[in-house]
Structure formats: C-alpha cells, structure tokens
Amino acid sequence: MKKIALAALALTTAMATPATAATGDVTGTINITGSVAPKCFVLPGAGSTFGTTVNMGELAKTDGTLLDSTTLSSTFASQGSTALTAQVLCTSANPNVSVTAEPLANVAPAVTGYDNTVDYTADVTFTQVDGTTVVSDPSDNPVATTATLSSRLNGSGTNVSVATSAWTASGVLVSGDYTGKITVLISPGA
C-alpha cells in the first residue's frame, strides 16, 4: 500500500509542477513588415495612360456655322465607348482627379464674323464604390477642374468615362484642321 501511495504522491507532484523548458532550448522570432505605396494605375496591365483619338469629322453645317451641340456630343460618343472609358484603380482611398478641356482650335486667323475656335465641356464620370462623381471642365476656361473623390474607385469594370456637352462657336468657322484635347489626371489621395 505504501508503494501505491508513494506512486500516487509522485504522480500528483509531477502533475502539479509546471513543466520547465528543457535546458538548451532556443526561440527565434521573425517579424515581417511591408508597405504599399500610394499609386494609381490603368488596367489591364497596370499602365499609366489611357486614351484615344476622336475624329469629329465635319464640324460645320452647310452655312458654315457649328453643328448643333447634341449632334457633336453624339459624334464624340459614337467613336467607340471602349475608347472613351477606362478602368483605373488606386491603392489609396479618395483619389484626387482633375479634368482639363482644351478647345478645338484652327491656326488660321479669324476676322469679325468668323471663328477659329470651337468650345465644349468635357464631362468625366468617375464610378466609385459609393456612387458616381461627374467632373466637368469647360474648354473656354484654361484652369483645370479638380475634385477629391469621396471613396475608392470601383474595383471592377469600367470606372472612368469621358463624354462632351455644350459645344459652341460664334460666327462662321474658318476652314482647316481643328485640334484640341481632354486631359484626365487621377492621382493617389489620402
């Protein structure tokens, strides 16, 4: 009986005593860190540009004055919806955007009653995770229109779309080539 009591006492003592580390154990801790820089990019391919050339064709009616704004806006849009849209993603929230519309201009001089400049408004729609924001810039204003988006750009599909409206010119348009452009800048925000 003493042997059983001694064995029970030894077992109880072993269970009550916390295990100690074996002599010579070594612990290594490897901390891992990383970061993501704020950046914006165009998909597919993670490029930094998107765009196309839109050929508006004949700008004037038979009397030499500018076609109506609705026709010109439709002509711009008909150049291919995929060419006027993009998918842009940013690693940071609340990207900053700016839109600059430059008028279609002809280098030929215009005298009284004639015009060598066609103005319009660039309307860029940004689709975000919480809705859409339209940033419009009139080409007769040389300053870019800027905004800070209220949330991240939508993570899938097209989220930047370019359109035009409010086409205007005064007088008879002088003949020749007209060129202009729309610049959309998207940069990381906060």
Protein backbone atom coordinates (compact mmCIF):
# COMPACT_ATOMS: atom_id res chain seq x y z
CA MET A 1 0.00 0.00 0.00
CA LYS A 2 2.92 2.28 0.76
CA LYS A 3 4.17 1.68 -2.76
CA ILE A 4 0.82 2.68 -4.22
CA ALA A 5 0.66 5.80 -2.03
CA LEU A 6 4.21 6.74 -2.99
CA ALA A 7 3.42 6.28 -6.68
CA ALA A 8 0.24 8.38 -6.34
CA LEU A 9 2.17 11.11 -4.49
CA ALA A 10 4.87 11.17 -7.20
CA LEU A 11 2.23 11.36 -9.94
CA THR A 12 0.37 14.17 -8.15
CA THR A 13 3.59 16.11 -7.65
CA ALA A 14 4.54 15.72 -11.30
CA MET A 15 1.13 16.99 -12.42
CA ALA A 16 1.18 19.94 -10.02
CA THR A 17 4.68 21.10 -11.01
CA PRO A 18 4.73 23.17 -14.21
CA ALA A 19 6.90 21.86 -16.99
CA THR A 20 10.12 23.74 -17.39
CA ALA A 21 11.92 24.36 -20.66
CA ALA A 22 14.49 21.80 -21.45
CA THR A 23 17.97 23.04 -20.99
CA GLY A 24 19.41 24.41 -24.27
CA ASP A 25 16.11 25.41 -25.98
CA VAL A 26 16.34 28.46 -28.32
CA THR A 27 13.43 30.58 -29.57
CA GLY A 28 13.66 32.62 -32.74
CA THR A 29 11.12 35.30 -33.69
CA ILE A 30 10.94 36.68 -37.18
CA ASN A 31 8.83 39.85 -37.54
CA ILE A 32 7.58 40.55 -41.05
CA THR A 33 6.68 44.03 -42.25
CA GLY A 34 5.80 45.56 -45.60
CA SER A 35 4.09 48.53 -47.16
CA VAL A 36 2.14 49.60 -50.22
CA ALA A 37 2.93 52.97 -51.77
CA PRO A 38 0.03 55.18 -52.81
CA LYS A 39 -0.35 54.81 -56.58
CA CYS A 40 -2.91 54.73 -59.37
CA PHE A 41 -2.79 52.55 -62.49
CA VAL A 42 -4.81 51.58 -65.56
CA LEU A 43 -5.99 48.00 -66.06
CA PRO A 44 -5.28 45.75 -67.76
CA GLY A 45 -1.53 45.81 -67.50
CA ALA A 46 -1.04 48.35 -64.68
CA GLY A 47 -0.11 51.11 -67.13
CA SER A 48 -0.09 54.82 -66.50
CA THR A 49 -2.03 56.12 -69.53
CA PHE A 50 -5.29 55.65 -71.37
CA GLY A 51 -6.83 57.45 -74.31
CA THR A 52 -7.61 57.57 -78.00
CA THR A 53 -8.03 59.97 -80.91
CA VAL A 54 -11.58 61.06 -81.69
CA ASN A 55 -12.18 62.21 -85.27
CA MET A 56 -15.16 64.55 -85.13
CA GLY A 57 -15.34 64.87 -88.92
CA GLU A 58 -17.10 67.89 -90.39
CA LEU A 59 -17.85 70.45 -87.67
CA ALA A 60 -19.90 72.92 -89.72
CA LYS A 61 -23.37 72.95 -91.22
CA THR A 62 -23.82 73.93 -94.88
CA ASP A 63 -23.96 77.62 -93.84
CA GLY A 64 -20.52 77.36 -92.18
CA THR A 65 -21.77 77.65 -88.60
CA LEU A 66 -21.16 74.98 -85.98
CA LEU A 67 -23.32 71.84 -85.96
CA ASP A 68 -25.70 71.65 -83.01
CA SER A 69 -24.31 70.55 -79.65
CA THR A 70 -26.38 67.35 -79.45
CA THR A 71 -25.05 66.14 -82.81
CA LEU A 72 -21.45 66.88 -81.83
CA SER A 73 -21.83 65.18 -78.42
CA SER A 74 -23.29 62.11 -80.16
CA THR A 75 -20.47 62.12 -82.72
CA PHE A 76 -17.93 62.20 -79.88
CA ALA A 77 -19.68 59.34 -78.05
CA SER A 78 -20.01 57.22 -81.21
CA GLN A 79 -16.24 56.98 -81.57
CA GLY A 80 -16.36 53.82 -79.51
CA SER A 81 -17.39 53.51 -75.91
CA THR A 82 -14.33 51.41 -75.00
CA ALA A 83 -12.01 54.11 -76.35
CA LEU A 84 -13.64 56.72 -74.13
CA THR A 85 -13.63 54.62 -70.96
CA ALA A 86 -11.03 53.06 -68.69
CA GLN A 87 -10.60 51.06 -65.53
CA VAL A 88 -8.31 52.90 -63.13
CA LEU A 89 -7.50 51.68 -59.63
CA CYS A 90 -5.64 53.40 -56.81
CA THR A 91 -4.09 51.82 -53.74
CA SER A 92 -5.14 54.82 -51.65
CA ALA A 93 -8.63 55.95 -50.78
CA ASN A 94 -10.16 59.21 -52.03
CA PRO A 95 -8.17 59.81 -55.23
CA ASN A 96 -7.66 63.37 -56.48
CA VAL A 97 -8.88 64.00 -60.03
CA SER A 98 -8.60 66.83 -62.50
CA VAL A 99 -10.10 67.40 -65.93
CA THR A 100 -8.76 69.90 -68.45
CA ALA A 101 -10.61 70.55 -71.71
CA GLU A 102 -8.77 72.44 -74.42
CA PRO A 103 -10.89 73.90 -77.26
CA LEU A 104 -10.68 72.69 -80.83
CA ALA A 105 -8.61 75.41 -82.46
CA ASN A 106 -7.56 76.22 -86.00
CA VAL A 107 -4.32 78.13 -86.63
CA ALA A 108 -5.94 80.12 -89.46
CA PRO A 109 -6.85 83.65 -88.32
CA ALA A 110 -10.48 84.57 -87.82
CA VAL A 111 -11.77 88.04 -88.66
CA THR A 112 -15.02 89.62 -87.47
CA GLY A 113 -17.95 87.31 -88.12
CA TYR A 114 -15.74 84.20 -88.26
CA ASP A 115 -14.44 81.84 -85.59
CA ASN A 116 -11.39 79.57 -85.43
CA THR A 117 -12.21 78.05 -82.04
CA VAL A 118 -14.87 75.52 -81.03
CA ASP A 119 -15.60 75.28 -77.30
CA TYR A 120 -17.24 72.41 -75.43
CA THR A 121 -17.42 70.96 -71.93
CA ALA A 122 -15.63 67.73 -71.01
CA ASP A 123 -17.76 65.62 -68.65
CA VAL A 124 -15.84 62.82 -66.91
CA THR A 125 -17.77 60.34 -64.77
CA PHE A 126 -15.88 58.54 -62.00
CA THR A 127 -17.65 55.43 -60.65
CA GLN A 128 -16.75 54.80 -57.01
CA VAL A 129 -17.67 52.14 -54.50
CA ASP A 130 -20.25 54.54 -53.03
CA GLY A 131 -21.69 56.14 -56.19
CA THR A 132 -20.57 58.39 -59.04
CA THR A 133 -19.00 61.81 -59.36
CA VAL A 134 -19.04 63.86 -62.57
CA VAL A 135 -16.26 66.39 -63.04
CA SER A 136 -16.96 68.87 -65.86
CA ASP A 137 -14.50 71.34 -67.35
CA PRO A 138 -15.41 73.95 -69.99
CA SER A 139 -12.77 74.40 -72.69
CA ASP A 140 -13.08 78.20 -72.59
CA ASN A 141 -11.61 78.17 -69.07
CA PRO A 142 -7.84 77.45 -69.11
CA VAL A 143 -7.84 76.22 -65.49
CA ALA A 144 -8.40 72.53 -64.74
CA THR A 145 -11.45 71.48 -62.74
CA THR A 146 -10.36 69.41 -59.74
CA ALA A 147 -12.07 67.25 -57.13
CA THR A 148 -11.30 64.73 -54.42
CA LEU A 149 -13.43 61.62 -54.76
CA SER A 150 -15.46 60.58 -51.72
CA SER A 151 -14.31 56.95 -51.84
CA ARG A 152 -12.20 54.47 -53.77
CA LEU A 153 -12.75 53.96 -57.48
CA ASN A 154 -14.94 50.92 -58.15
CA GLY A 155 -12.72 47.83 -58.09
CA SER A 156 -14.18 46.05 -61.11
CA GLY A 157 -15.13 47.09 -64.62
CA THR A 158 -15.05 50.50 -66.25
CA ASN A 159 -14.91 53.31 -63.70
CA VAL A 160 -13.81 56.34 -65.77
CA SER A 161 -15.98 57.53 -68.67
CA VAL A 162 -15.42 60.62 -70.86
CA ALA A 163 -18.23 62.50 -72.65
CA THR A 164 -18.79 66.02 -74.00
CA SER A 165 -21.57 68.60 -73.99
CA ALA A 166 -22.25 72.31 -74.63
CA TRP A 167 -20.46 72.65 -77.99
CA THR A 168 -20.33 76.32 -79.08
CA ALA A 169 -18.75 78.67 -81.59
CA SER A 170 -19.70 82.12 -82.82
CA GLY A 171 -19.88 83.04 -86.46
CA VAL A 172 -18.80 81.08 -89.50
CA LEU A 173 -15.99 78.60 -88.86
CA VAL A 174 -12.81 79.18 -90.87
CA SER A 175 -11.76 76.21 -92.98
CA GLY A 176 -8.90 73.96 -91.98
CA ASP A 177 -7.98 71.44 -89.31
CA TYR A 178 -9.10 71.86 -85.71
CA THR A 179 -7.36 70.16 -82.80
CA GLY A 180 -7.99 70.07 -79.08
CA LYS A 181 -7.77 67.60 -76.23
CA ILE A 182 -9.14 66.45 -72.92
CA THR A 183 -6.69 65.56 -70.16
CA VAL A 184 -7.82 63.46 -67.20
CA LEU A 185 -5.41 63.17 -64.27
CA ILE A 186 -6.02 60.72 -61.42
CA SER A 187 -3.59 60.72 -58.51
CA PRO A 188 -3.47 58.95 -55.15
CA GLY A 189 -5.33 60.68 -52.36
CA ALA A 190 -5.45 60.22 -48.63
